[in-house]
Amino acid sequence: MASFRSQSLREPLVKSKEILDILRVFVNVNLNAAEQPAPLWEQCLSVFLLSKPKELRDLQWLSAIKHISIENDILNIEMPSEFAKEWFLCSFYESFLKIAKSINPDINKISVFAPQIKEEKSAKLPEFKKPEKSKSGNFCKKYRLDNFIAETSNEFALECAKIIAAKPSDHDNFLVIKGTAGLGKTHLLHAIGREASANWAKKAILWDSDRFFKERNNGNLVLYQSDILLFDNLQDIYSHENPQNEFLNILKNLKNKGCSIVVAVNPKSKNQPLTEFENFLKMGIKCELKKPDLRTRIAILRQKAKEKGLPATTLEDCWKFIAEKFGDSVCSLEGAINELAARQVHLKCEITPQIVRSIYGEKNTSGKTPSMESIATAAALAYGIPMESLCGKCRMAKINKPRQIAIYLCKQTGLSLSEIGKFFNRDASSITNAIQAVKNKIAGENGYSFEFEVMDILNAARG
């Protein structure tokens, strides 16, 4: 009886243990399955859709594509139809191949298959047209509406640009931007085109007078198909009567269809438009870009410096100097910032106010030559050593370098070798060697950065 009872109690325990082992294996299998990565095509599709959030509704058909296999470094996928295959090869192949390589560097090709559909011989093959590629207009990424500095002088032009880029109505879809060279007309055109393409326009086209003349033999048919036409340097076609009439017909046609038009023109051009053309332009919303005042120019420099990675806060005292030196042209201001950014990258030195003033030639307004005492004091403060050490016998590197710089600067002020030697307790040959050592460093690989160190000490001695 006891054995029977013990056996009956033992059996459920055995069965429970077997069940636990089965559950444990089942859970481990599922966990291992969960840890396995998704097929490569699904990973590529996820990356692509995340990079284009505004186009998700138009690209849902991509989810119907099936992952087949990866063989010999080739990703094999299956399309739902032959038409989808053609569309994929025409518009998306390069983008997905690039994504696939970023995920799996061994992939060098995507092979696309489509199911073969048997058709009766008498049936006519359907004619599929390849989808036309979007006319993006090659808008420059650096030109945006949010980085166009308007301040108070050009606020109206910026607001008009924002309206037409968002979703223009019938009464504000024709914009005429006027302004002389270098004030930001091209910036606004590119910014409007980018925003319009993202918000509402399927075909946003940016042209200028040069391309218009080159495409005349083709009838300029592309312009008739645009949802928004942006045209730069309109004044350049004023010198030819026939091109004016042709372009005027294009503009009238687009306006009658309710399309949007933005043209940029320099009102100070030598040539003037035909009377009919001028009357048509009068129907548009006219906004003139004015020369930026000093406050606006400083704001532009500050904004461009931040975009280029320059220490904008450190250079705050330099913006007024640069703004006054380069005048009213926004292009000139941007060129100055580009030069400073290039020096920072290629010469690998941080741009300081002393460097800016040295580059752009701000002269010393004090009109006095620094003394040997002021030069030695400035060098000692710059390197954090006592001034007495410069005139002592110590030859440590941390003292030798500022001493050589101080000697070199004293020589630049016109002092004789004997005068400099007497002050620093050195003979003439030691003074000559110190001067030559600084010259060699300036002419060396990182000499440009070292020269600015020397100029900083000189400016401090003058101050």
Protein backbone atom coordinates (compact mmCIF):
# COMPACT_ATOMS: atom_id res chain seq x y z
CA MET A 1 0.00 0.00 0.00
CA ALA A 2 2.83 2.33 0.85
CA SER A 3 4.63 1.53 -2.40
CA PHE A 4 1.49 2.08 -4.43
CA ARG A 5 0.87 5.41 -2.75
CA SER A 6 4.47 6.56 -3.27
CA GLN A 7 4.35 5.51 -6.92
CA SER A 8 1.09 7.34 -7.51
CA LEU A 9 2.54 10.47 -5.95
CA ARG A 10 5.73 10.20 -8.00
CA GLU A 11 4.06 9.98 -11.42
CA PRO A 12 2.55 13.48 -11.42
CA LEU A 13 5.94 14.85 -10.46
CA VAL A 14 7.58 13.13 -13.40
CA LYS A 15 4.93 14.34 -15.78
CA SER A 16 5.20 17.88 -14.43
CA LYS A 17 8.95 17.81 -14.99
CA GLU A 18 8.49 16.58 -18.56
CA ILE A 19 5.98 19.32 -19.23
CA LEU A 20 8.39 21.96 -17.84
CA ASP A 21 11.18 20.64 -20.07
CA ILE A 22 8.91 20.85 -23.11
CA LEU A 23 7.86 24.39 -22.21
CA ARG A 24 11.46 25.39 -21.65
CA VAL A 25 12.48 24.10 -25.09
CA PHE A 26 9.47 25.79 -26.67
CA VAL A 27 10.27 29.14 -25.05
CA ASN A 28 13.93 28.91 -26.05
CA VAL A 29 12.98 28.17 -29.64
CA ASN A 30 10.67 31.16 -29.74
CA LEU A 31 13.28 33.40 -28.14
CA ASN A 32 15.87 32.28 -30.64
CA ALA A 33 13.41 32.94 -33.44
CA ALA A 34 12.72 36.40 -32.07
CA GLU A 35 16.41 37.17 -31.99
CA GLN A 36 16.86 36.34 -35.67
CA PRO A 37 17.00 39.51 -37.81
CA ALA A 38 14.28 40.29 -40.31
CA PRO A 39 14.92 39.46 -43.98
CA LEU A 40 17.23 41.93 -45.71
CA TRP A 41 14.49 43.31 -47.96
CA GLU A 42 12.26 44.13 -44.97
CA GLN A 43 15.17 45.92 -43.31
CA CYS A 44 15.81 47.95 -46.48
CA LEU A 45 12.14 48.85 -46.77
CA SER A 46 12.01 50.04 -43.15
CA VAL A 47 15.06 52.28 -43.64
CA PHE A 48 13.65 53.71 -46.88
CA LEU A 49 10.21 54.52 -45.45
CA LEU A 50 11.71 56.13 -42.35
CA SER A 51 13.75 58.45 -44.58
CA LYS A 52 10.65 59.60 -46.49
CA PRO A 53 7.83 60.14 -43.98
CA LYS A 54 5.85 62.51 -46.18
CA GLU A 55 5.63 60.01 -49.05
CA LEU A 56 4.32 56.99 -47.11
CA ARG A 57 0.86 57.12 -48.62
CA ASP A 58 2.22 57.00 -52.16
CA LEU A 59 4.65 54.15 -51.49
CA GLN A 60 2.46 51.55 -49.79
CA TRP A 61 2.77 49.29 -52.86
CA LEU A 62 6.40 48.63 -51.87
CA SER A 63 5.18 46.53 -48.93
CA ALA A 64 3.82 43.98 -51.44
CA ILE A 65 7.36 43.13 -52.58
CA LYS A 66 8.57 39.78 -51.23
CA HIS A 67 12.03 38.75 -50.06
CA ILE A 68 13.12 35.55 -51.88
CA SER A 69 16.75 34.89 -50.97
CA ILE A 70 20.35 36.09 -50.94
CA GLU A 71 22.62 34.12 -53.28
CA ASN A 72 26.13 34.94 -54.49
CA ASP A 73 25.93 38.44 -52.93
CA ILE A 74 22.70 39.15 -54.84
CA LEU A 75 19.45 40.10 -53.12
CA ASN A 76 16.51 38.41 -54.89
CA ILE A 77 13.07 39.96 -54.54
CA GLU A 78 9.69 39.34 -56.19
CA MET A 79 7.38 42.05 -57.49
CA PRO A 80 3.59 41.80 -57.50
CA SER A 81 3.45 42.64 -61.22
CA GLU A 82 5.54 43.42 -64.28
CA PHE A 83 4.48 47.07 -64.07
CA ALA A 84 5.73 47.27 -60.47
CA LYS A 85 9.01 45.74 -61.59
CA GLU A 86 9.49 48.40 -64.28
CA TRP A 87 8.59 51.18 -61.86
CA PHE A 88 11.00 49.86 -59.23
CA LEU A 89 13.89 49.57 -61.69
CA CYS A 90 13.21 53.04 -63.04
CA SER A 91 12.78 55.01 -59.83
CA PHE A 92 13.92 53.06 -56.77
CA TYR A 93 16.63 50.57 -57.71
CA GLU A 94 19.66 52.77 -56.93
CA SER A 95 18.24 53.95 -53.60
CA PHE A 96 17.50 50.43 -52.33
CA LEU A 97 20.83 49.06 -53.55
CA LYS A 98 22.62 51.76 -51.57
CA ILE A 99 20.56 50.90 -48.45
CA ALA A 100 21.18 47.17 -48.91
CA LYS A 101 24.96 47.75 -49.14
CA SER A 102 24.89 49.84 -45.97
CA ILE A 103 23.21 46.93 -44.13
CA ASN A 104 25.15 44.10 -45.79
CA PRO A 105 28.37 45.30 -47.50
CA ASP A 106 28.62 42.05 -49.48
CA ILE A 107 25.51 42.85 -51.54
CA ASN A 108 26.44 44.11 -55.00
CA LYS A 109 23.19 43.66 -56.93
CA ILE A 110 19.41 43.38 -56.54
CA SER A 111 17.74 40.87 -58.83
CA VAL A 112 14.06 41.64 -59.45
CA PHE A 113 11.54 39.00 -60.52
CA ALA A 114 7.90 39.30 -61.54
CA PRO A 115 5.32 36.49 -61.86
CA GLN A 116 4.85 35.30 -65.40
CA ILE A 117 1.20 35.58 -66.52
CA LYS A 118 0.10 33.37 -69.37
CA GLU A 119 -2.02 35.21 -71.90
CA GLU A 120 -3.95 34.11 -74.93
CA LYS A 121 -2.24 34.70 -78.24
CA SER A 122 -5.13 36.77 -79.51
CA ALA A 123 -5.02 39.13 -76.55
CA LYS A 124 -3.11 42.35 -77.03
CA LEU A 125 -0.31 43.12 -74.69
CA PRO A 126 -1.13 46.05 -72.43
CA GLU A 127 0.98 49.16 -72.96
CA PHE A 128 2.63 50.24 -69.75
CA LYS A 129 4.27 53.61 -69.54
CA LYS A 130 7.18 54.14 -67.24
CA PRO A 131 6.35 56.60 -64.50
CA GLU A 132 7.86 59.98 -65.15
CA LYS A 133 10.56 60.96 -62.73
CA SER A 134 9.75 63.86 -60.45
CA LYS A 135 11.14 67.19 -61.62
CA SER A 136 12.78 68.28 -58.40
CA GLY A 137 14.61 71.20 -59.99
CA ASN A 138 17.90 70.43 -58.20
CA PHE A 139 17.18 72.82 -55.36
CA CYS A 140 20.16 73.69 -53.19
CA LYS A 141 19.83 72.19 -49.70
CA LYS A 142 21.55 75.06 -47.93
CA TYR A 143 18.89 77.56 -49.06
CA ARG A 144 15.90 77.37 -46.73
CA LEU A 145 13.18 79.77 -45.65
CA ASP A 146 14.12 79.40 -42.00
CA ASN A 147 17.73 80.54 -42.57
CA PHE A 148 16.87 83.55 -44.75
CA ILE A 149 17.68 86.56 -42.54
CA ALA A 150 15.12 89.25 -43.29
CA GLU A 151 15.06 91.40 -40.13
CA THR A 152 12.87 94.46 -40.85
CA SER A 153 14.06 95.34 -44.36
CA ASN A 154 12.88 92.24 -46.27
CA GLU A 155 10.11 90.81 -44.08
CA PHE A 156 7.44 91.23 -46.76
CA ALA A 157 9.43 89.25 -49.33
CA LEU A 158 9.98 86.42 -46.85
CA GLU A 159 6.31 86.25 -45.84
CA CYS A 160 5.21 86.14 -49.50
CA ALA A 161 7.69 83.33 -50.11
CA LYS A 162 6.31 81.35 -47.16
CA ILE A 163 2.73 81.71 -48.42
CA ILE A 164 3.42 80.54 -51.94
CA ALA A 165 5.61 77.67 -50.67
CA ALA A 166 2.90 76.43 -48.27
CA LYS A 167 -0.21 76.33 -50.48
CA PRO A 168 -1.00 79.39 -52.59
CA SER A 169 -4.53 80.44 -53.41
CA ASP A 170 -5.71 81.83 -56.73
CA HIS A 171 -4.92 85.42 -55.81
CA ASP A 172 -1.37 84.93 -54.42
CA ASN A 173 0.19 82.43 -56.83
CA PHE A 174 2.24 84.95 -58.85
CA LEU A 175 5.27 86.48 -57.15
CA VAL A 176 7.81 88.92 -58.65
CA ILE A 177 10.99 89.25 -56.57
CA LYS A 178 13.05 92.33 -57.42
CA GLY A 179 16.54 93.19 -56.21
CA THR A 180 20.09 93.87 -57.31
CA ALA A 181 22.77 91.19 -57.40
CA GLY A 182 23.80 89.52 -54.16
CA LEU A 183 20.73 90.27 -52.03
CA GLY A 184 19.20 86.76 -51.83
CA LYS A 185 16.84 86.36 -54.82
CA THR A 186 18.31 82.96 -55.71
CA HIS A 187 18.16 81.93 -52.06
CA LEU A 188 14.41 82.57 -51.97
CA LEU A 189 13.78 80.75 -55.27
CA HIS A 190 15.54 77.58 -54.10
CA ALA A 191 13.86 77.76 -50.68
CA ILE A 192 10.39 78.17 -52.22
CA GLY A 193 11.01 75.27 -54.59
CA ARG A 194 12.12 72.91 -51.81
CA GLU A 195 9.19 73.79 -49.55
CA ALA A 196 6.63 73.63 -52.37
CA SER A 197 7.93 70.21 -53.47
CA ALA A 198 7.51 68.90 -49.93
CA ASN A 199 4.09 70.50 -49.34
CA TRP A 200 2.01 70.40 -52.51
CA ALA A 201 3.78 70.65 -55.87
CA LYS A 202 4.38 67.43 -57.81
CA LYS A 203 6.51 69.30 -60.37
CA ALA A 204 8.45 72.30 -59.10
CA ILE A 205 10.79 73.55 -61.82
CA LEU A 206 13.64 76.03 -61.37
CA TRP A 207 15.05 77.54 -64.55
CA ASP A 208 17.05 80.60 -65.53
CA SER A 209 17.65 82.54 -68.72
CA ASP A 210 20.63 80.37 -69.76
CA ARG A 211 18.63 77.16 -69.70
CA PHE A 212 15.68 78.82 -71.39
CA PHE A 213 17.83 79.72 -74.39
CA LYS A 214 19.39 76.24 -74.52
CA GLU A 215 15.99 74.50 -74.50
CA ARG A 216 14.30 76.74 -77.07
CA ASN A 217 14.77 74.18 -79.84
CA ASN A 218 12.81 71.67 -77.75
CA GLY A 219 9.87 74.06 -77.44
CA ASN A 220 10.32 74.42 -73.66
CA LEU A 221 7.53 71.86 -73.22
CA VAL A 222 8.66 70.99 -69.70
CA LEU A 223 7.69 74.45 -68.47
CA TYR A 224 4.08 73.95 -69.54
CA GLN A 225 3.84 70.89 -67.26
CA SER A 226 5.02 72.60 -64.05
CA ASP A 227 2.85 73.09 -60.97
CA ILE A 228 5.13 75.91 -59.86
CA LEU A 229 7.64 77.61 -62.13
CA LEU A 230 10.56 79.46 -60.58
CA PHE A 231 12.63 81.56 -62.97
CA ASP A 232 15.89 83.34 -62.07
CA ASN A 233 17.61 86.25 -63.86
CA LEU A 234 14.55 87.16 -65.90
CA GLN A 235 16.21 90.39 -67.07
CA ASP A 236 18.63 88.43 -69.26
CA ILE A 237 15.94 87.64 -71.85
CA TYR A 238 14.94 91.31 -72.19
CA SER A 239 17.55 91.84 -74.90
CA HIS A 240 15.74 89.47 -77.31
CA GLU A 241 12.23 90.14 -78.54
CA ASN A 242 11.25 86.65 -79.71
CA PRO A 243 12.29 84.86 -76.50
CA GLN A 244 10.28 87.42 -74.53
CA ASN A 245 7.16 86.66 -76.55
CA GLU A 246 7.70 82.90 -76.21
CA PHE A 247 8.19 83.08 -72.47
CA LEU A 248 5.24 85.45 -72.08
CA ASN A 249 3.00 82.86 -73.78
CA ILE A 250 4.27 80.21 -71.35
CA LEU A 251 3.56 82.42 -68.34
CA LYS A 252 0.06 83.27 -69.59
CA ASN A 253 -0.70 79.60 -70.16
CA LEU A 254 0.45 78.64 -66.67
CA LYS A 255 -1.50 81.47 -65.07
CA ASN A 256 -4.68 80.51 -66.90
CA LYS A 257 -4.32 76.95 -65.59
CA GLY A 258 -3.95 78.23 -62.02
CA CYS A 259 -0.29 77.25 -61.69
CA SER A 260 2.08 79.19 -59.48
CA ILE A 261 4.81 81.46 -60.84
CA VAL A 262 7.79 83.05 -59.09
CA VAL A 263 10.26 85.15 -61.09
CA ALA A 264 13.37 86.99 -59.89
CA VAL A 265 14.56 90.06 -61.77
CA ASN A 266 17.21 92.74 -61.38
CA PRO A 267 15.42 96.08 -61.91
CA LYS A 268 18.70 97.88 -62.66
CA SER A 269 19.37 95.90 -65.81
CA LYS A 270 20.41 97.84 -68.91
CA ASN A 271 17.68 96.18 -70.99
CA GLN A 272 13.97 96.77 -70.45
CA PRO A 273 11.07 94.40 -71.15
CA LEU A 274 8.51 94.79 -73.90
CA THR A 275 5.44 96.78 -72.91
CA GLU A 276 3.17 93.71 -72.99
CA PHE A 277 5.64 91.73 -70.89
CA GLU A 278 5.97 94.55 -68.38
CA ASN A 279 2.20 94.84 -68.07
CA PHE A 280 1.96 91.11 -67.33
CA LEU A 281 4.54 91.38 -64.56
CA LYS A 282 2.48 94.12 -62.96
CA MET A 283 -0.21 91.52 -62.17
CA GLY A 284 2.12 89.73 -59.76
CA ILE A 285 2.79 90.48 -56.11
CA LYS A 286 5.87 92.68 -56.21
CA CYS A 287 8.35 92.45 -53.34
CA GLU A 288 11.72 94.14 -53.50
CA LEU A 289 14.78 92.93 -51.65
CA LYS A 290 16.56 95.93 -50.20
CA LYS A 291 20.18 96.23 -49.20
CA PRO A 292 20.53 94.93 -45.63
CA ASP A 293 21.38 97.47 -42.98
CA LEU A 294 24.27 96.94 -40.55
CA ARG A 295 22.08 95.11 -38.04
CA THR A 296 20.85 92.69 -40.69
CA ARG A 297 24.35 92.07 -42.03
CA ILE A 298 25.60 91.22 -38.54
CA ALA A 299 22.68 88.80 -38.09
CA ILE A 300 23.54 87.16 -41.43
CA LEU A 301 27.18 86.71 -40.42
CA ARG A 302 26.18 85.24 -37.07
CA GLN A 303 23.79 82.77 -38.72
CA LYS A 304 26.28 81.69 -41.41
CA ALA A 305 29.02 81.23 -38.80
CA LYS A 306 26.83 78.85 -36.78
CA GLU A 307 26.00 76.85 -39.90
CA LYS A 308 29.70 76.50 -40.75
CA GLY A 309 30.75 75.47 -37.25
CA LEU A 310 32.66 78.65 -36.41
CA PRO A 311 32.80 79.92 -32.80
CA ALA A 312 30.11 82.58 -33.34
CA THR A 313 30.06 83.73 -29.71
CA THR A 314 33.83 84.15 -29.56
CA LEU A 315 33.81 86.16 -32.79
CA GLU A 316 30.94 88.42 -31.74
CA ASP A 317 33.22 91.50 -31.69
CA CYS A 318 34.31 90.81 -35.29
CA TRP A 319 30.92 90.83 -37.00
CA LYS A 320 30.65 94.62 -37.11
CA PHE A 321 34.14 94.88 -38.59
CA ILE A 322 33.39 92.29 -41.32
CA ALA A 323 29.93 93.72 -42.04
CA GLU A 324 31.37 97.18 -42.59
CA LYS A 325 34.28 95.91 -44.67
CA PHE A 326 32.20 93.83 -47.13
CA GLY A 327 29.34 96.29 -47.54
CA ASP A 328 25.79 95.45 -48.61
CA SER A 329 26.29 92.23 -50.62
CA VAL A 330 25.00 89.10 -48.91
CA CYS A 331 27.16 87.00 -51.23
CA SER A 332 30.29 88.83 -50.04
CA LEU A 333 29.34 88.22 -46.40
CA GLU A 334 28.83 84.53 -47.08
CA GLY A 335 32.17 84.40 -48.90
CA ALA A 336 33.94 85.84 -45.85
CA ILE A 337 32.42 83.16 -43.60
CA ASN A 338 33.30 80.42 -46.09
CA GLU A 339 36.93 81.57 -46.10
CA LEU A 340 37.13 81.50 -42.30
CA ALA A 341 35.52 78.05 -42.19
CA ALA A 342 37.96 76.72 -44.80
CA ARG A 343 40.93 78.01 -42.80
CA GLN A 344 39.57 76.36 -39.66
CA VAL A 345 39.17 72.98 -41.40
CA HIS A 346 42.28 72.85 -43.59
CA LEU A 347 44.72 74.58 -41.23
CA LYS A 348 43.19 72.87 -38.16
CA CYS A 349 43.26 75.99 -36.01
CA GLU A 350 40.46 77.70 -34.12
CA ILE A 351 39.47 81.04 -35.56
CA THR A 352 40.01 83.84 -33.05
CA PRO A 353 39.26 87.59 -33.24
CA GLN A 354 42.97 88.27 -33.73
CA ILE A 355 43.05 85.90 -36.70
CA VAL A 356 40.01 87.58 -38.27
CA ARG A 357 41.54 91.03 -37.96
CA SER A 358 44.83 89.77 -39.33
CA ILE A 359 43.17 88.14 -42.36
CA TYR A 360 40.97 91.05 -43.31
CA GLY A 361 43.59 93.70 -42.72
CA GLU A 362 42.29 95.73 -39.81
CA LYS A 363 45.16 98.08 -39.11
CA ASN A 364 46.53 98.99 -35.68
CA THR A 365 44.75 102.17 -34.69
CA SER A 366 47.00 102.97 -31.77
CA GLY A 367 49.83 104.12 -34.06
CA LYS A 368 52.54 103.24 -31.52
CA THR A 369 55.36 100.71 -31.58
CA PRO A 370 55.36 98.38 -28.57
CA SER A 371 58.38 98.45 -26.29
CA MET A 372 60.56 95.46 -25.41
CA GLU A 373 59.06 95.45 -21.91
CA SER A 374 55.47 95.26 -23.25
CA ILE A 375 56.40 92.51 -25.73
CA ALA A 376 58.12 90.45 -23.04
CA THR A 377 55.19 90.94 -20.66
CA ALA A 378 52.66 89.90 -23.34
CA ALA A 379 54.68 86.76 -24.20
CA ALA A 380 55.00 85.81 -20.53
CA LEU A 381 51.27 86.25 -19.91
CA ALA A 382 50.36 84.30 -23.06
CA TYR A 383 52.34 81.26 -21.91
CA GLY A 384 51.79 81.65 -18.16
CA ILE A 385 55.39 82.12 -17.03
CA PRO A 386 57.11 84.89 -15.03
CA MET A 387 58.54 87.67 -17.20
CA GLU A 388 61.87 87.42 -15.37
CA SER A 389 62.29 83.91 -16.75
CA LEU A 390 62.54 85.27 -20.30
CA CYS A 391 65.69 87.16 -19.35
CA GLY A 392 67.15 84.33 -17.27
CA LYS A 393 69.43 81.42 -18.14
CA CYS A 394 66.75 78.70 -18.15
CA ARG A 395 66.58 76.81 -21.46
CA MET A 396 63.46 74.72 -20.80
CA ALA A 397 61.10 74.37 -23.78
CA LYS A 398 58.18 76.06 -22.02
CA ILE A 399 60.36 79.16 -21.50
CA ASN A 400 62.49 78.96 -24.63
CA LYS A 401 59.50 79.22 -27.00
CA PRO A 402 57.98 82.46 -25.61
CA ARG A 403 61.50 83.92 -25.31
CA GLN A 404 62.19 83.26 -29.01
CA ILE A 405 58.86 84.83 -29.96
CA ALA A 406 59.55 87.89 -27.84
CA ILE A 407 63.02 88.30 -29.39
CA TYR A 408 61.57 87.91 -32.88
CA LEU A 409 58.90 90.56 -32.25
CA CYS A 410 61.43 92.96 -30.77
CA LYS A 411 63.46 92.64 -33.96
CA GLN A 412 60.34 93.40 -36.03
CA THR A 413 60.05 96.76 -34.26
CA GLY A 414 63.41 97.85 -35.68
CA LEU A 415 65.64 97.32 -32.64
CA SER A 416 69.25 96.25 -33.11
CA LEU A 417 70.62 92.85 -32.12
CA SER A 418 72.80 94.41 -29.42
CA GLU A 419 69.81 96.22 -27.84
CA ILE A 420 67.71 93.05 -27.83
CA GLY A 421 70.64 90.98 -26.49
CA LYS A 422 71.27 93.41 -23.66
CA PHE A 423 67.60 93.21 -22.57
CA PHE A 424 67.39 89.40 -22.71
CA ASN A 425 70.98 88.80 -21.44
CA ARG A 426 72.01 87.04 -24.66
CA ASP A 427 74.84 87.54 -27.15
CA ALA A 428 74.22 88.50 -30.78
CA SER A 429 74.51 84.93 -32.08
CA SER A 430 71.85 83.69 -29.64
CA ILE A 431 69.52 86.50 -30.70
CA THR A 432 70.10 85.63 -34.36
CA ASN A 433 69.40 81.93 -33.72
CA ALA A 434 66.16 82.76 -31.85
CA ILE A 435 64.92 84.95 -34.71
CA GLN A 436 65.76 82.26 -37.28
CA ALA A 437 64.02 79.58 -35.20
CA VAL A 438 60.75 81.56 -35.24
CA LYS A 439 61.06 82.14 -39.00
CA ASN A 440 61.54 78.42 -39.57
CA LYS A 441 58.45 77.57 -37.53
CA ILE A 442 56.36 80.10 -39.47
CA ALA A 443 57.56 78.57 -42.75
CA GLY A 444 56.93 75.03 -41.48
CA GLU A 445 53.94 72.69 -41.90
CA ASN A 446 51.81 74.28 -39.17
CA GLY A 447 53.37 77.71 -39.60
CA TYR A 448 50.11 79.46 -40.31
CA SER A 449 48.71 78.59 -36.89
CA PHE A 450 52.02 79.47 -35.20
CA GLU A 451 52.10 82.85 -36.95
CA PHE A 452 48.72 83.70 -35.44
CA GLU A 453 50.13 82.94 -31.97
CA VAL A 454 52.88 85.45 -32.67
CA MET A 455 50.37 88.04 -33.91
CA ASP A 456 48.24 87.57 -30.80
CA ILE A 457 51.21 88.44 -28.60
CA LEU A 458 52.03 91.48 -30.76
CA ASN A 459 48.45 92.75 -30.57
CA ALA A 460 48.44 92.27 -26.81
CA ALA A 461 51.70 94.23 -26.54
CA ARG A 462 50.19 97.07 -28.56
CA GLY A 463 47.05 97.15 -26.47
